[in-house]
Amino acid sequence: MSAPDTNTDRQRRRHRGAIWGIIIAVLIGLGAIGLMTLDATDGEEPPADTAATGSEGTGN
């Protein structure tokens, strides 16, 4: 069933806060994803894993 009396201007005013909240949450999420991407691709070399290479303590 549809609403018998639909006032779109009133509905727009009533939902304005929720819509702004959704927009802000999306922007924060995109910012977090951007920061994680920049952190993951900062160009630093990962630390060498000496246990896997077996070069620790061999004197080479």
PDB file of N, CA and C in Angstrom:
ATOM      1  N   MET A   1       0.837  -1.177   0.000  1.00  0.00           N
ATOM      2  CA  MET A   1       0.000   0.000   0.000  1.00  0.00           C
ATOM      3  C   MET A   1       0.881   1.239   0.000  1.00  0.00           C
ATOM      4  N   SER A   2       0.425   2.258  -0.649  1.00  0.00           N
ATOM      5  CA  SER A   2       1.155   3.512  -0.664  1.00  0.00           C
ATOM      6  C   SER A   2       0.546   4.470   0.355  1.00  0.00           C
ATOM      7  N   ALA A   3       1.329   5.463   0.710  1.00  0.00           N
ATOM      8  CA  ALA A   3       0.858   6.445   1.676  1.00  0.00           C
ATOM      9  C   ALA A   3      -0.251   7.290   1.041  1.00  0.00           C
ATOM     10  N   PRO A   4      -1.308   7.570   1.783  1.00  0.00           N
ATOM     11  CA  PRO A   4      -2.418   8.332   1.203  1.00  0.00           C
ATOM     12  C   PRO A   4      -2.076   9.802   0.976  1.00  0.00           C
ATOM     13  N   ASP A   5      -1.196  10.379   1.786  1.00  0.00           N
ATOM     14  CA  ASP A   5      -0.869  11.795   1.650  1.00  0.00           C
ATOM     15  C   ASP A   5       0.643  11.933   1.702  1.00  0.00           C
ATOM     16  N   THR A   6       1.261  12.145   0.543  1.00  0.00           N
ATOM     17  CA  THR A   6       2.704  12.237   0.466  1.00  0.00           C
ATOM     18  C   THR A   6       3.106  13.696   0.264  1.00  0.00           C
ATOM     19  N   ASN A   7       3.795  14.236   1.257  1.00  0.00           N
ATOM     20  CA  ASN A   7       4.306  15.597   1.170  1.00  0.00           C
ATOM     21  C   ASN A   7       5.823  15.489   1.063  1.00  0.00           C
ATOM     22  N   THR A   8       6.348  15.591  -0.157  1.00  0.00           N
ATOM     23  CA  THR A   8       7.778  15.355  -0.378  1.00  0.00           C
ATOM     24  C   THR A   8       8.644  16.425   0.261  1.00  0.00           C
ATOM     25  N   ASP A   9       8.161  17.667   0.350  1.00  0.00           N
ATOM     26  CA  ASP A   9       8.957  18.709   0.999  1.00  0.00           C
ATOM     27  C   ASP A   9       9.146  18.407   2.480  1.00  0.00           C
ATOM     28  N   ARG A  10       8.096  17.964   3.137  1.00  0.00           N
ATOM     29  CA  ARG A  10       8.185  17.644   4.552  1.00  0.00           C
ATOM     30  C   ARG A  10       9.085  16.427   4.760  1.00  0.00           C
ATOM     31  N   GLN A  11       8.962  15.428   3.901  1.00  0.00           N
ATOM     32  CA  GLN A  11       9.810  14.243   4.009  1.00  0.00           C
ATOM     33  C   GLN A  11      11.279  14.597   3.771  1.00  0.00           C
ATOM     34  N   ARG A  12      11.527  15.497   2.838  1.00  0.00           N
ATOM     35  CA  ARG A  12      12.895  15.932   2.568  1.00  0.00           C
ATOM     36  C   ARG A  12      13.490  16.591   3.810  1.00  0.00           C
ATOM     37  N   ARG A  13      12.733  17.445   4.472  1.00  0.00           N
ATOM     38  CA  ARG A  13      13.212  18.090   5.698  1.00  0.00           C
ATOM     39  C   ARG A  13      13.429  17.075   6.812  1.00  0.00           C
ATOM     40  N   ARG A  14      12.558  16.116   6.954  1.00  0.00           N
ATOM     41  CA  ARG A  14      12.667  15.130   8.028  1.00  0.00           C
ATOM     42  C   ARG A  14      13.856  14.195   7.846  1.00  0.00           C
ATOM     43  N   HIS A  15      14.247  13.940   6.629  1.00  0.00           N
ATOM     44  CA  HIS A  15      15.336  12.989   6.367  1.00  0.00           C
ATOM     45  C   HIS A  15      16.682  13.668   6.126  1.00  0.00           C
ATOM     46  N   ARG A  16      16.727  14.972   6.208  1.00  0.00           N
ATOM     47  CA  ARG A  16      17.961  15.701   5.914  1.00  0.00           C
ATOM     48  C   ARG A  16      19.107  15.262   6.832  1.00  0.00           C
ATOM     49  N   GLY A  17      18.852  15.117   8.116  1.00  0.00           N
ATOM     50  CA  GLY A  17      19.904  14.710   9.056  1.00  0.00           C
ATOM     51  C   GLY A  17      20.444  13.324   8.760  1.00  0.00           C
ATOM     52  N   ALA A  18      19.550  12.396   8.446  1.00  0.00           N
ATOM     53  CA  ALA A  18      19.986  11.033   8.138  1.00  0.00           C
ATOM     54  C   ALA A  18      20.809  10.992   6.852  1.00  0.00           C
ATOM     55  N   ILE A  19      20.410  11.748   5.872  1.00  0.00           N
ATOM     56  CA  ILE A  19      21.138  11.773   4.601  1.00  0.00           C
ATOM     57  C   ILE A  19      22.532  12.365   4.806  1.00  0.00           C
ATOM     58  N   TRP A  20      22.632  13.449   5.580  1.00  0.00           N
ATOM     59  CA  TRP A  20      23.949  14.023   5.870  1.00  0.00           C
ATOM     60  C   TRP A  20      24.807  13.041   6.660  1.00  0.00           C
ATOM     61  N   GLY A  21      24.196  12.306   7.569  1.00  0.00           N
ATOM     62  CA  GLY A  21      24.944  11.301   8.319  1.00  0.00           C
ATOM     63  C   GLY A  21      25.510  10.223   7.417  1.00  0.00           C
ATOM     64  N   ILE A  22      24.721   9.781   6.460  1.00  0.00           N
ATOM     65  CA  ILE A  22      25.186   8.762   5.509  1.00  0.00           C
ATOM     66  C   ILE A  22      26.329   9.310   4.662  1.00  0.00           C
ATOM     67  N   ILE A  23      26.191  10.551   4.204  1.00  0.00           N
ATOM     68  CA  ILE A  23      27.237  11.166   3.374  1.00  0.00           C
ATOM     69  C   ILE A  23      28.540  11.288   4.165  1.00  0.00           C
ATOM     70  N   ILE A  24      28.444  11.722   5.417  1.00  0.00           N
ATOM     71  CA  ILE A  24      29.639  11.870   6.251  1.00  0.00           C
ATOM     72  C   ILE A  24      30.288  10.511   6.511  1.00  0.00           C
ATOM     73  N   ALA A  25      29.470   9.477   6.768  1.00  0.00           N
ATOM     74  CA  ALA A  25      30.015   8.139   7.008  1.00  0.00           C
ATOM     75  C   ALA A  25      30.735   7.606   5.770  1.00  0.00           C
ATOM     76  N   VAL A  26      30.188   7.850   4.599  1.00  0.00           N
ATOM     77  CA  VAL A  26      30.829   7.400   3.355  1.00  0.00           C
ATOM     78  C   VAL A  26      32.157   8.128   3.158  1.00  0.00           C
ATOM     79  N   LEU A  27      32.175   9.439   3.424  1.00  0.00           N
ATOM     80  CA  LEU A  27      33.419  10.194   3.265  1.00  0.00           C
ATOM     81  C   LEU A  27      34.488   9.732   4.256  1.00  0.00           C
ATOM     82  N   ILE A  28      34.098   9.452   5.488  1.00  0.00           N
ATOM     83  CA  ILE A  28      35.061   8.945   6.470  1.00  0.00           C
ATOM     84  C   ILE A  28      35.592   7.581   6.026  1.00  0.00           C
ATOM     85  N   GLY A  29      34.716   6.725   5.512  1.00  0.00           N
ATOM     86  CA  GLY A  29      35.147   5.417   5.033  1.00  0.00           C
ATOM     87  C   GLY A  29      36.111   5.529   3.863  1.00  0.00           C
ATOM     88  N   LEU A  30      35.812   6.412   2.930  1.00  0.00           N
ATOM     89  CA  LEU A  30      36.715   6.606   1.791  1.00  0.00           C
ATOM     90  C   LEU A  30      38.054   7.173   2.248  1.00  0.00           C
ATOM     91  N   GLY A  31      38.026   8.082   3.211  1.00  0.00           N
ATOM     92  CA  GLY A  31      39.270   8.621   3.754  1.00  0.00           C
ATOM     93  C   GLY A  31      40.106   7.547   4.426  1.00  0.00           C
ATOM     94  N   ALA A  32      39.453   6.662   5.186  1.00  0.00           N
ATOM     95  CA  ALA A  32      40.172   5.573   5.850  1.00  0.00           C
ATOM     96  C   ALA A  32      40.783   4.626   4.828  1.00  0.00           C
ATOM     97  N   ILE A  33      40.046   4.309   3.787  1.00  0.00           N
ATOM     98  CA  ILE A  33      40.573   3.435   2.734  1.00  0.00           C
ATOM     99  C   ILE A  33      41.763   4.103   2.053  1.00  0.00           C
ATOM    100  N   GLY A  34      41.654   5.407   1.795  1.00  0.00           N
ATOM    101  CA  GLY A  34      42.759   6.132   1.177  1.00  0.00           C
ATOM    102  C   GLY A  34      44.003   6.127   2.047  1.00  0.00           C
ATOM    103  N   LEU A  35      43.825   6.349   3.348  1.00  0.00           N
ATOM    104  CA  LEU A  35      44.976   6.339   4.253  1.00  0.00           C
ATOM    105  C   LEU A  35      45.612   4.955   4.340  1.00  0.00           C
ATOM    106  N   MET A  36      44.802   3.910   4.367  1.00  0.00           N
ATOM    107  CA  MET A  36      45.357   2.549   4.406  1.00  0.00           C
ATOM    108  C   MET A  36      46.106   2.238   3.122  1.00  0.00           C
ATOM    109  N   THR A  37      45.598   2.720   1.992  1.00  0.00           N
ATOM    110  CA  THR A  37      46.271   2.492   0.714  1.00  0.00           C
ATOM    111  C   THR A  37      47.605   3.222   0.683  1.00  0.00           C
ATOM    112  N   LEU A  38      47.607   4.468   1.141  1.00  0.00           N
ATOM    113  CA  LEU A  38      48.870   5.215   1.171  1.00  0.00           C
ATOM    114  C   LEU A  38      49.874   4.577   2.112  1.00  0.00           C
ATOM    115  N   ASP A  39      49.405   4.068   3.236  1.00  0.00           N
ATOM    116  CA  ASP A  39      50.306   3.420   4.189  1.00  0.00           C
ATOM    117  C   ASP A  39      50.876   2.130   3.616  1.00  0.00           C
ATOM    118  N   ALA A  40      50.075   1.396   2.877  1.00  0.00           N
ATOM    119  CA  ALA A  40      50.525   0.122   2.318  1.00  0.00           C
ATOM    120  C   ALA A  40      51.472   0.326   1.140  1.00  0.00           C
ATOM    121  N   THR A  41      51.405   1.471   0.492  1.00  0.00           N
ATOM    122  CA  THR A  41      52.226   1.718  -0.696  1.00  0.00           C
ATOM    123  C   THR A  41      53.196   2.868  -0.473  1.00  0.00           C
ATOM    124  N   ASP A  42      53.773   2.966   0.726  1.00  0.00           N
ATOM    125  CA  ASP A  42      54.642   4.094   1.039  1.00  0.00           C
ATOM    126  C   ASP A  42      56.048   3.948   0.471  1.00  0.00           C
ATOM    127  N   GLY A  43      56.381   2.825  -0.115  1.00  0.00           N
ATOM    128  CA  GLY A  43      57.660   2.642  -0.768  1.00  0.00           C
ATOM    129  C   GLY A  43      58.749   2.073   0.117  1.00  0.00           C
ATOM    130  N   GLU A  44      58.471   1.868   1.379  1.00  0.00           N
ATOM    131  CA  GLU A  44      59.473   1.275   2.256  1.00  0.00           C
ATOM    132  C   GLU A  44      59.610  -0.211   1.968  1.00  0.00           C
ATOM    133  N   GLU A  45      60.842  -0.680   2.112  1.00  0.00           N
ATOM    134  CA  GLU A  45      61.079  -2.109   1.975  1.00  0.00           C
ATOM    135  C   GLU A  45      60.633  -2.800   3.249  1.00  0.00           C
ATOM    136  N   PRO A  46      59.991  -3.942   3.152  1.00  0.00           N
ATOM    137  CA  PRO A  46      59.628  -4.672   4.375  1.00  0.00           C
ATOM    138  C   PRO A  46      60.883  -5.197   5.050  1.00  0.00           C
ATOM    139  N   PRO A  47      60.855  -5.385   6.353  1.00  0.00           N
ATOM    140  CA  PRO A  47      62.049  -5.892   7.047  1.00  0.00           C
ATOM    141  C   PRO A  47      62.408  -7.286   6.536  1.00  0.00           C
ATOM    142  N   ALA A  48      63.708  -7.528   6.425  1.00  0.00           N
ATOM    143  CA  ALA A  48      64.182  -8.827   5.941  1.00  0.00           C
ATOM    144  C   ALA A  48      63.906  -9.893   6.983  1.00  0.00           C
ATOM    145  N   ASP A  49      63.456 -11.022   6.532  1.00  0.00           N
ATOM    146  CA  ASP A  49      63.175 -12.143   7.423  1.00  0.00           C
ATOM    147  C   ASP A  49      64.413 -13.028   7.453  1.00  0.00           C
ATOM    148  N   THR A  50      65.255 -12.825   8.451  1.00  0.00           N
ATOM    149  CA  THR A  50      66.521 -13.557   8.506  1.00  0.00           C
ATOM    150  C   THR A  50      66.325 -15.021   8.862  1.00  0.00           C
ATOM    151  N   ALA A  51      65.241 -15.373   9.529  1.00  0.00           N
ATOM    152  CA  ALA A  51      65.018 -16.769   9.899  1.00  0.00           C
ATOM    153  C   ALA A  51      64.715 -17.617   8.661  1.00  0.00           C
ATOM    154  N   ALA A  52      64.063 -17.049   7.679  1.00  0.00           N
ATOM    155  CA  ALA A  52      63.709 -17.808   6.483  1.00  0.00           C
ATOM    156  C   ALA A  52      64.920 -18.024   5.575  1.00  0.00           C
ATOM    157  N   THR A  53      65.880 -17.086   5.582  1.00  0.00           N
ATOM    158  CA  THR A  53      67.033 -17.223   4.686  1.00  0.00           C
ATOM    159  C   THR A  53      68.122 -18.098   5.296  1.00  0.00           C
ATOM    160  N   GLY A  54      68.158 -18.209   6.606  1.00  0.00           N
ATOM    161  CA  GLY A  54      69.169 -19.044   7.246  1.00  0.00           C
ATOM    162  C   GLY A  54      70.521 -18.390   7.301  1.00  0.00           C
ATOM    163  N   SER A  55      70.619 -17.081   7.045  1.00  0.00           N
ATOM    164  CA  SER A  55      71.914 -16.405   7.029  1.00  0.00           C
ATOM    165  C   SER A  55      72.305 -15.879   8.386  1.00  0.00           C
ATOM    166  N   GLU A  56      71.487 -16.069   9.370  1.00  0.00           N
ATOM    167  CA  GLU A  56      71.799 -15.557  10.684  1.00  0.00           C
ATOM    168  C   GLU A  56      72.862 -16.435  11.362  1.00  0.00           C
ATOM    169  N   GLY A  57      73.964 -15.840  11.746  1.00  0.00           N
ATOM    170  CA  GLY A  57      74.990 -16.551  12.485  1.00  0.00           C
ATOM    171  C   GLY A  57      75.920 -17.385  11.625  1.00  0.00           C
ATOM    172  N   THR A  58      75.882 -17.252  10.305  1.00  0.00           N
ATOM    173  CA  THR A  58      76.766 -18.062   9.467  1.00  0.00           C
ATOM    174  C   THR A  58      78.077 -17.350   9.181  1.00  0.00           C
ATOM    175  N   GLY A  59      78.125 -16.026   9.441  1.00  0.00           N
ATOM    176  CA  GLY A  59      79.349 -15.282   9.230  1.00  0.00           C
ATOM    177  C   GLY A  59      79.590 -14.855   7.802  1.00  0.00           C
ATOM    178  N   ASN A  60      78.632 -14.952   6.932  1.00  0.00           N
ATOM    179  CA  ASN A  60      78.785 -14.543   5.530  1.00  0.00           C
ATOM    180  C   ASN A  60      78.674 -13.066   5.363  1.00  0.00           C
TER     181      ASN A  60
END
